[in-house]
PDB file of N, CA and C in Angstrom:
ATOM      1  N   UNK A   1       0.883  -1.189  -0.091  1.00  0.00           N
ATOM      2  CA  UNK A   1       0.020   0.035   0.034  1.00  0.00           C
ATOM      3  C   UNK A   1       0.985   1.128   0.012  1.00  0.00           C
ATOM      4  N   UNK A   2       0.632   1.979  -0.898  1.00  0.00           N
ATOM      5  CA  UNK A   2       1.317   3.514  -0.947  1.00  0.00           C
ATOM      6  C   UNK A   2       0.855   4.246   0.191  1.00  0.00           C
ATOM      7  N   UNK A   3       1.781   5.498   0.449  1.00  0.00           N
ATOM      8  CA  UNK A   3       1.694   6.427   1.331  1.00  0.00           C
ATOM      9  C   UNK A   3       0.296   7.150   1.279  1.00  0.00           C
ATOM     10  N   UNK A   4      -0.170   7.150   0.025  1.00  0.00           N
ATOM     11  CA  UNK A   4      -1.381   7.803  -0.406  1.00  0.00           C
ATOM     12  C   UNK A   4      -2.567   7.274   0.332  1.00  0.00           C
ATOM     13  N   UNK A   5      -2.517   5.867   0.294  1.00  0.00           N
ATOM     14  CA  UNK A   5      -3.626   5.145   0.836  1.00  0.00           C
ATOM     15  C   UNK A   5      -3.594   5.419   2.529  1.00  0.00           C
ATOM     16  N   UNK A   6      -2.560   5.812   3.163  1.00  0.00           N
ATOM     17  CA  UNK A   6      -2.547   5.993   4.411  1.00  0.00           C
ATOM     18  C   UNK A   6      -2.956   7.481   4.968  1.00  0.00           C
ATOM     19  N   UNK A   7      -3.282   8.457   3.998  1.00  0.00           N
ATOM     20  CA  UNK A   7      -3.512   9.587   4.366  1.00  0.00           C
ATOM     21  C   UNK A   7      -4.784   9.835   4.923  1.00  0.00           C
ATOM     22  N   UNK A   8      -5.850   9.177   4.350  1.00  0.00           N
ATOM     23  CA  UNK A   8      -7.308   9.177   5.008  1.00  0.00           C
ATOM     24  C   UNK A   8      -7.098   8.743   6.355  1.00  0.00           C
ATOM     25  N   UNK A   9      -6.562   7.570   6.718  1.00  0.00           N
ATOM     26  CA  UNK A   9      -6.331   6.979   7.982  1.00  0.00           C
ATOM     27  C   UNK A   9      -5.544   7.923   9.039  1.00  0.00           C
ATOM     28  N   UNK A  10      -4.811   8.519   8.476  1.00  0.00           N
ATOM     29  CA  UNK A  10      -3.845   9.404   9.383  1.00  0.00           C
ATOM     30  C   UNK A  10      -4.792  10.557   9.799  1.00  0.00           C
ATOM     31  N   UNK A  11      -5.316  11.056   8.711  1.00  0.00           N
ATOM     32  CA  UNK A  11      -6.324  12.306   9.079  1.00  0.00           C
ATOM     33  C   UNK A  11      -7.354  12.161  10.059  1.00  0.00           C
ATOM     34  N   UNK A  12      -8.068  10.765   9.916  1.00  0.00           N
ATOM     35  CA  UNK A  12      -9.153  10.402  10.871  1.00  0.00           C
ATOM     36  C   UNK A  12      -8.445  10.200  12.264  1.00  0.00           C
ATOM     37  N   UNK A  13      -7.232   9.515  12.285  1.00  0.00           N
ATOM     38  CA  UNK A  13      -6.772   9.297  13.620  1.00  0.00           C
ATOM     39  C   UNK A  13      -6.461  10.732  14.217  1.00  0.00           C
ATOM     40  N   UNK A  14      -5.886  11.436  13.531  1.00  0.00           N
ATOM     41  CA  UNK A  14      -5.416  12.882  14.086  1.00  0.00           C
ATOM     42  C   UNK A  14      -6.862  13.383  14.694  1.00  0.00           C
ATOM     43  N   UNK A  15      -7.832  13.462  13.955  1.00  0.00           N
ATOM     44  CA  UNK A  15      -9.021  14.060  14.030  1.00  0.00           C
ATOM     45  C   UNK A  15      -9.475  13.591  15.598  1.00  0.00           C
ATOM     46  N   UNK A  16      -9.535  12.368  15.719  1.00  0.00           N
ATOM     47  CA  UNK A  16     -10.131  11.721  16.786  1.00  0.00           C
ATOM     48  C   UNK A  16      -9.307  12.222  18.042  1.00  0.00           C
ATOM     49  N   UNK A  17      -8.177  12.271  17.795  1.00  0.00           N
ATOM     50  CA  UNK A  17      -7.264  12.492  19.023  1.00  0.00           C
ATOM     51  C   UNK A  17      -7.186  13.877  19.488  1.00  0.00           C
ATOM     52  N   UNK A  18      -7.417  14.737  18.556  1.00  0.00           N
ATOM     53  CA  UNK A  18      -7.394  16.091  18.986  1.00  0.00           C
ATOM     54  C   UNK A  18      -8.717  16.711  19.175  1.00  0.00           C
ATOM     55  N   UNK A  19      -9.720  16.172  18.858  1.00  0.00           N
ATOM     56  CA  UNK A  19     -10.846  16.806  18.993  1.00  0.00           C
ATOM     57  C   UNK A  19     -11.763  15.866  19.788  1.00  0.00           C
ATOM     58  N   UNK A  20     -11.388  15.511  20.902  1.00  0.00           N
ATOM     59  CA  UNK A  20     -12.490  14.543  21.937  1.00  0.00           C
ATOM     60  C   UNK A  20     -13.055  15.744  22.712  1.00  0.00           C
ATOM     61  N   UNK A  21     -14.498  15.257  23.193  1.00  0.00           N
ATOM     62  CA  UNK A  21     -15.377  16.200  23.649  1.00  0.00           C
ATOM     63  C   UNK A  21     -15.072  16.526  25.179  1.00  0.00           C
ATOM     64  N   UNK A  22     -15.238  17.592  25.667  1.00  0.00           N
ATOM     65  CA  UNK A  22     -14.881  17.875  26.893  1.00  0.00           C
ATOM     66  C   UNK A  22     -16.129  17.448  27.917  1.00  0.00           C
ATOM     67  N   UNK A  23     -15.993  17.474  29.186  1.00  0.00           N
ATOM     68  CA  UNK A  23     -16.910  16.937  30.097  1.00  0.00           C
ATOM     69  C   UNK A  23     -17.998  18.001  30.102  1.00  0.00           C
ATOM     70  N   UNK A  24     -19.157  17.639  30.463  1.00  0.00           N
ATOM     71  CA  UNK A  24     -20.282  18.677  30.555  1.00  0.00           C
ATOM     72  C   UNK A  24     -20.111  19.466  31.519  1.00  0.00           C
ATOM     73  N   UNK A  25     -20.212  20.774  31.308  1.00  0.00           N
ATOM     74  CA  UNK A  25     -19.834  21.875  32.353  1.00  0.00           C
ATOM     75  C   UNK A  25     -20.594  21.660  33.737  1.00  0.00           C
ATOM     76  N   UNK A  26     -21.855  21.339  33.516  1.00  0.00           N
ATOM     77  CA  UNK A  26     -22.572  21.073  34.743  1.00  0.00           C
ATOM     78  C   UNK A  26     -22.031  20.150  35.741  1.00  0.00           C
ATOM     79  N   UNK A  27     -21.800  18.873  35.360  1.00  0.00           N
ATOM     80  CA  UNK A  27     -21.179  17.845  36.009  1.00  0.00           C
ATOM     81  C   UNK A  27     -19.771  18.132  36.527  1.00  0.00           C
ATOM     82  N   UNK A  28     -18.919  18.721  35.845  1.00  0.00           N
ATOM     83  CA  UNK A  28     -17.726  19.222  36.400  1.00  0.00           C
ATOM     84  C   UNK A  28     -17.906  20.150  37.505  1.00  0.00           C
ATOM     85  N   UNK A  29     -18.984  21.053  37.406  1.00  0.00           N
ATOM     86  CA  UNK A  29     -18.983  22.084  38.319  1.00  0.00           C
ATOM     87  C   UNK A  29     -19.742  21.438  39.585  1.00  0.00           C
ATOM     88  N   UNK A  30     -20.528  20.631  39.620  1.00  0.00           N
ATOM     89  CA  UNK A  30     -21.281  20.102  40.624  1.00  0.00           C
ATOM     90  C   UNK A  30     -20.170  19.003  41.317  1.00  0.00           C
ATOM     91  N   UNK A  31     -19.484  18.446  40.733  1.00  0.00           N
ATOM     92  CA  UNK A  31     -18.284  17.577  41.057  1.00  0.00           C
ATOM     93  C   UNK A  31     -17.258  18.496  41.977  1.00  0.00           C
ATOM     94  N   UNK A  32     -16.870  19.416  41.505  1.00  0.00           N
ATOM     95  CA  UNK A  32     -15.804  20.518  42.107  1.00  0.00           C
ATOM     96  C   UNK A  32     -16.496  21.234  43.321  1.00  0.00           C
ATOM     97  N   UNK A  33     -17.660  21.642  43.236  1.00  0.00           N
ATOM     98  CA  UNK A  33     -18.240  22.348  44.244  1.00  0.00           C
ATOM     99  C   UNK A  33     -18.388  21.508  45.283  1.00  0.00           C
ATOM    100  N   UNK A  34     -18.840  20.325  45.473  1.00  0.00           N
ATOM    101  CA  UNK A  34     -19.149  19.444  46.354  1.00  0.00           C
ATOM    102  C   UNK A  34     -17.649  19.177  46.820  1.00  0.00           C
ATOM    103  N   UNK A  35     -16.657  18.847  46.397  1.00  0.00           N
ATOM    104  CA  UNK A  35     -15.345  18.434  46.833  1.00  0.00           C
ATOM    105  C   UNK A  35     -15.144  19.719  47.644  1.00  0.00           C
ATOM    106  N   UNK A  36     -15.133  20.806  46.976  1.00  0.00           N
ATOM    107  CA  UNK A  36     -14.760  21.917  47.965  1.00  0.00           C
ATOM    108  C   UNK A  36     -15.457  22.158  49.334  1.00  0.00           C
ATOM    109  N   UNK A  37     -16.770  21.791  49.255  1.00  0.00           N
ATOM    110  CA  UNK A  37     -17.776  21.968  50.459  1.00  0.00           C
ATOM    111  C   UNK A  37     -17.119  20.703  51.388  1.00  0.00           C
ATOM    112  N   UNK A  38     -16.928  19.586  50.925  1.00  0.00           N
ATOM    113  CA  UNK A  38     -16.414  18.585  51.652  1.00  0.00           C
ATOM    114  C   UNK A  38     -14.939  19.125  52.346  1.00  0.00           C
ATOM    115  N   UNK A  39     -14.283  19.307  51.532  1.00  0.00           N
ATOM    116  CA  UNK A  39     -12.649  19.757  51.948  1.00  0.00           C
ATOM    117  C   UNK A  39     -12.795  21.152  53.134  1.00  0.00           C
ATOM    118  N   UNK A  40     -13.579  21.821  52.776  1.00  0.00           N
ATOM    119  CA  UNK A  40     -14.004  23.068  53.484  1.00  0.00           C
ATOM    120  C   UNK A  40     -14.579  22.906  54.758  1.00  0.00           C
ATOM    121  N   UNK A  41     -15.076  21.884  55.308  1.00  0.00           N
ATOM    122  CA  UNK A  41     -15.536  21.256  56.416  1.00  0.00           C
ATOM    123  C   UNK A  41     -17.068  21.845  56.341  1.00  0.00           C
ATOM    124  N   UNK A  42     -17.880  22.244  55.540  1.00  0.00           N
ATOM    125  CA  UNK A  42     -19.027  22.240  55.497  1.00  0.00           C
ATOM    126  C   UNK A  42     -19.973  21.041  55.558  1.00  0.00           C
ATOM    127  N   UNK A  43     -21.198  21.259  56.103  1.00  0.00           N
ATOM    128  CA  UNK A  43     -21.965  20.166  56.415  1.00  0.00           C
ATOM    129  C   UNK A  43     -22.743  19.537  55.197  1.00  0.00           C
ATOM    130  N   UNK A  44     -22.134  18.306  54.702  1.00  0.00           N
ATOM    131  CA  UNK A  44     -22.850  17.833  53.271  1.00  0.00           C
ATOM    132  C   UNK A  44     -23.660  16.595  53.563  1.00  0.00           C
ATOM    133  N   UNK A  45     -24.852  16.435  53.111  1.00  0.00           N
ATOM    134  CA  UNK A  45     -25.620  15.373  53.477  1.00  0.00           C
ATOM    135  C   UNK A  45     -25.284  14.111  52.688  1.00  0.00           C
ATOM    136  N   UNK A  46     -25.549  12.950  52.890  1.00  0.00           N
ATOM    137  CA  UNK A  46     -25.048  11.849  52.038  1.00  0.00           C
ATOM    138  C   UNK A  46     -25.965  11.992  50.709  1.00  0.00           C
ATOM    139  N   UNK A  47     -27.053  12.507  50.619  1.00  0.00           N
ATOM    140  CA  UNK A  47     -27.529  12.577  49.140  1.00  0.00           C
ATOM    141  C   UNK A  47     -26.781  13.480  48.041  1.00  0.00           C
ATOM    142  N   UNK A  48     -26.190  14.636  49.032  1.00  0.00           N
ATOM    143  CA  UNK A  48     -25.419  15.403  48.023  1.00  0.00           C
ATOM    144  C   UNK A  48     -24.082  14.948  47.838  1.00  0.00           C
ATOM    145  N   UNK A  49     -23.373  14.257  48.705  1.00  0.00           N
ATOM    146  CA  UNK A  49     -22.320  13.659  48.216  1.00  0.00           C
ATOM    147  C   UNK A  49     -22.524  12.642  47.312  1.00  0.00           C
ATOM    148  N   UNK A  50     -23.559  11.821  47.291  1.00  0.00           N
ATOM    149  CA  UNK A  50     -23.911  10.824  46.091  1.00  0.00           C
ATOM    150  C   UNK A  50     -24.116  11.555  44.820  1.00  0.00           C
ATOM    151  N   UNK A  51     -24.665  12.793  44.952  1.00  0.00           N
ATOM    152  CA  UNK A  51     -24.955  13.509  43.728  1.00  0.00           C
ATOM    153  C   UNK A  51     -23.611  14.153  43.108  1.00  0.00           C
ATOM    154  N   UNK A  52     -22.929  14.498  44.064  1.00  0.00           N
ATOM    155  CA  UNK A  52     -21.549  14.938  43.545  1.00  0.00           C
ATOM    156  C   UNK A  52     -20.568  13.772  42.904  1.00  0.00           C
ATOM    157  N   UNK A  53     -20.719  12.574  43.653  1.00  0.00           N
ATOM    158  CA  UNK A  53     -20.039  11.394  43.216  1.00  0.00           C
ATOM    159  C   UNK A  53     -20.354  11.072  41.805  1.00  0.00           C
ATOM    160  N   UNK A  54     -21.834  10.905  41.720  1.00  0.00           N
ATOM    161  CA  UNK A  54     -22.308  10.650  40.220  1.00  0.00           C
ATOM    162  C   UNK A  54     -22.016  11.682  39.291  1.00  0.00           C
ATOM    163  N   UNK A  55     -21.847  12.906  39.662  1.00  0.00           N
ATOM    164  CA  UNK A  55     -21.401  13.947  38.649  1.00  0.00           C
ATOM    165  C   UNK A  55     -19.893  13.695  38.248  1.00  0.00           C
ATOM    166  N   UNK A  56     -19.072  13.484  39.279  1.00  0.00           N
ATOM    167  CA  UNK A  56     -17.776  13.212  38.883  1.00  0.00           C
ATOM    168  C   UNK A  56     -17.504  12.027  37.889  1.00  0.00           C
ATOM    169  N   UNK A  57     -18.220  10.936  38.325  1.00  0.00           N
ATOM    170  CA  UNK A  57     -18.350   9.639  37.456  1.00  0.00           C
ATOM    171  C   UNK A  57     -18.628  10.171  36.133  1.00  0.00           C
ATOM    172  N   UNK A  58     -19.844  10.779  35.842  1.00  0.00           N
ATOM    173  CA  UNK A  58     -20.233  11.286  34.462  1.00  0.00           C
ATOM    174  C   UNK A  58     -19.063  11.970  33.809  1.00  0.00           C
ATOM    175  N   UNK A  59     -18.504  13.149  34.456  1.00  0.00           N
ATOM    176  CA  UNK A  59     -17.560  13.999  34.044  1.00  0.00           C
ATOM    177  C   UNK A  59     -16.370  12.957  33.526  1.00  0.00           C
ATOM    178  N   UNK A  60     -15.882  12.200  34.598  1.00  0.00           N
ATOM    179  CA  UNK A  60     -14.551  11.394  34.195  1.00  0.00           C
ATOM    180  C   UNK A  60     -14.866  10.556  32.781  1.00  0.00           C
ATOM    181  N   UNK A  61     -16.180  10.014  32.698  1.00  0.00           N
ATOM    182  CA  UNK A  61     -16.337   9.269  31.322  1.00  0.00           C
ATOM    183  C   UNK A  61     -16.469  10.106  30.265  1.00  0.00           C
ATOM    184  N   UNK A  62     -16.824  11.439  30.469  1.00  0.00           N
ATOM    185  CA  UNK A  62     -17.139  12.312  29.152  1.00  0.00           C
ATOM    186  C   UNK A  62     -15.769  12.804  28.742  1.00  0.00           C
ATOM    187  N   UNK A  63     -14.820  13.030  29.335  1.00  0.00           N
ATOM    188  CA  UNK A  63     -13.713  13.794  28.996  1.00  0.00           C
ATOM    189  C   UNK A  63     -12.645  12.757  28.605  1.00  0.00           C
ATOM    190  N   UNK A  64     -11.798  13.501  27.842  1.00  0.00           N
ATOM    191  CA  UNK A  64     -10.472  12.491  27.318  1.00  0.00           C
ATOM    192  C   UNK A  64      -9.092  13.287  27.814  1.00  0.00           C
ATOM    193  N   UNK A  65      -9.446  14.402  28.352  1.00  0.00           N
ATOM    194  CA  UNK A  65      -8.233  15.101  28.984  1.00  0.00           C
ATOM    195  C   UNK A  65      -7.695  14.431  30.042  1.00  0.00           C
ATOM    196  N   UNK A  66      -6.392  14.046  30.099  1.00  0.00           N
ATOM    197  CA  UNK A  66      -5.797  13.386  31.284  1.00  0.00           C
ATOM    198  C   UNK A  66      -5.595  14.262  32.482  1.00  0.00           C
ATOM    199  N   UNK A  67      -5.522  15.602  32.302  1.00  0.00           N
ATOM    200  CA  UNK A  67      -5.210  16.273  33.542  1.00  0.00           C
ATOM    201  C   UNK A  67      -6.617  16.858  33.797  1.00  0.00           C
ATOM    202  N   UNK A  68      -7.565  16.929  33.160  1.00  0.00           N
ATOM    203  CA  UNK A  68      -9.178  17.032  33.720  1.00  0.00           C
ATOM    204  C   UNK A  68      -9.523  15.645  34.615  1.00  0.00           C
ATOM    205  N   UNK A  69      -9.016  14.500  33.897  1.00  0.00           N
ATOM    206  CA  UNK A  69      -9.406  13.325  34.865  1.00  0.00           C
ATOM    207  C   UNK A  69      -8.778  13.178  36.004  1.00  0.00           C
ATOM    208  N   UNK A  70      -7.598  13.720  35.975  1.00  0.00           N
ATOM    209  CA  UNK A  70      -6.910  13.629  37.308  1.00  0.00           C
ATOM    210  C   UNK A  70      -7.411  14.573  38.564  1.00  0.00           C
ATOM    211  N   UNK A  71      -7.817  15.895  37.863  1.00  0.00           N
ATOM    212  CA  UNK A  71      -8.372  16.586  38.896  1.00  0.00           C
ATOM    213  C   UNK A  71      -9.859  16.128  39.372  1.00  0.00           C
ATOM    214  N   UNK A  72     -10.672  15.336  38.243  1.00  0.00           N
ATOM    215  CA  UNK A  72     -12.074  15.135  38.756  1.00  0.00           C
ATOM    216  C   UNK A  72     -11.937  13.826  39.779  1.00  0.00           C
ATOM    217  N   UNK A  73     -10.644  13.092  39.488  1.00  0.00           N
ATOM    218  CA  UNK A  73     -10.466  11.864  40.353  1.00  0.00           C
ATOM    219  C   UNK A  73     -10.293  12.262  41.646  1.00  0.00           C
ATOM    220  N   UNK A  74      -9.322  13.290  41.718  1.00  0.00           N
ATOM    221  CA  UNK A  74      -9.027  13.776  43.190  1.00  0.00           C
ATOM    222  C   UNK A  74     -10.127  14.413  43.889  1.00  0.00           C
ATOM    223  N   UNK A  75     -10.993  15.214  43.273  1.00  0.00           N
ATOM    224  CA  UNK A  75     -12.474  15.735  44.032  1.00  0.00           C
ATOM    225  C   UNK A  75     -13.254  14.628  44.054  1.00  0.00           C
ATOM    226  N   UNK A  76     -13.425  13.406  43.370  1.00  0.00           N
ATOM    227  CA  UNK A  76     -14.226  12.217  43.945  1.00  0.00           C
ATOM    228  C   UNK A  76     -13.565  11.536  45.041  1.00  0.00           C
ATOM    229  N   UNK A  77     -12.300  11.685  45.110  1.00  0.00           N
ATOM    230  CA  UNK A  77     -11.506  11.144  46.406  1.00  0.00           C
ATOM    231  C   UNK A  77     -11.771  11.881  47.691  1.00  0.00           C
ATOM    232  N   UNK A  78     -11.940  13.194  47.289  1.00  0.00           N
ATOM    233  CA  UNK A  78     -12.354  14.025  48.582  1.00  0.00           C
ATOM    234  C   UNK A  78     -13.701  13.767  48.956  1.00  0.00           C
ATOM    235  N   UNK A  79     -14.562  13.686  47.934  1.00  0.00           N
ATOM    236  CA  UNK A  79     -16.085  13.479  48.446  1.00  0.00           C
ATOM    237  C   UNK A  79     -16.348  12.236  48.781  1.00  0.00           C
ATOM    238  N   UNK A  80     -15.821  11.171  48.363  1.00  0.00           N
ATOM    239  CA  UNK A  80     -16.236   9.866  48.911  1.00  0.00           C
ATOM    240  C   UNK A  80     -15.107   9.442  50.077  1.00  0.00           C
ATOM    241  N   UNK A  81     -14.206  10.101  50.265  1.00  0.00           N
ATOM    242  CA  UNK A  81     -13.113   9.937  51.505  1.00  0.00           C
ATOM    243  C   UNK A  81     -12.338   8.644  51.186  1.00  0.00           C
ATOM    244  N   UNK A  82     -12.279   8.122  50.116  1.00  0.00           N
ATOM    245  CA  UNK A  82     -11.568   6.806  49.914  1.00  0.00           C
ATOM    246  C   UNK A  82     -10.343   7.054  49.052  1.00  0.00           C
ATOM    247  N   UNK A  83      -9.420   7.831  49.599  1.00  0.00           N
ATOM    248  CA  UNK A  83      -8.189   8.050  48.451  1.00  0.00           C
ATOM    249  C   UNK A  83      -7.457   6.656  48.752  1.00  0.00           C
ATOM    250  N   UNK A  84      -6.765   6.097  47.564  1.00  0.00           N
ATOM    251  CA  UNK A  84      -5.965   5.036  47.534  1.00  0.00           C
ATOM    252  C   UNK A  84      -4.689   5.272  48.546  1.00  0.00           C
ATOM    253  N   UNK A  85      -4.318   4.114  49.122  1.00  0.00           N
ATOM    254  CA  UNK A  85      -3.283   4.278  49.975  1.00  0.00           C
ATOM    255  C   UNK A  85      -1.902   4.154  49.200  1.00  0.00           C
ATOM    256  N   UNK A  86      -0.835   4.793  49.516  1.00  0.00           N
ATOM    257  CA  UNK A  86       0.374   4.466  48.792  1.00  0.00           C
ATOM    258  C   UNK A  86       0.925   3.384  49.134  1.00  0.00           C
ATOM    259  N   UNK A  87       1.557   2.520  48.254  1.00  0.00           N
ATOM    260  CA  UNK A  87       2.356   1.422  48.678  1.00  0.00           C
ATOM    261  C   UNK A  87       3.718   1.470  49.222  1.00  0.00           C
TER     262      UNK A  87
END
């Protein structure tokens, strides 16, 4: 196969890699707001924690950005209180 045959494939792969959809702003905001309230010492009900946790999970699945995934996961750890222990 010649190089010309690979051009459409390379263009499509580049498009998918660089044009990934961002997370929904509402889910990201709910996730971060809930984490801020938990870490700030505010009273947060179990229902609010669950709503924040679910928003974090939706935002995690919707984003392709490694940095955004890191921040969302850290916020979810703050909400749920189950940060992984270092080995």
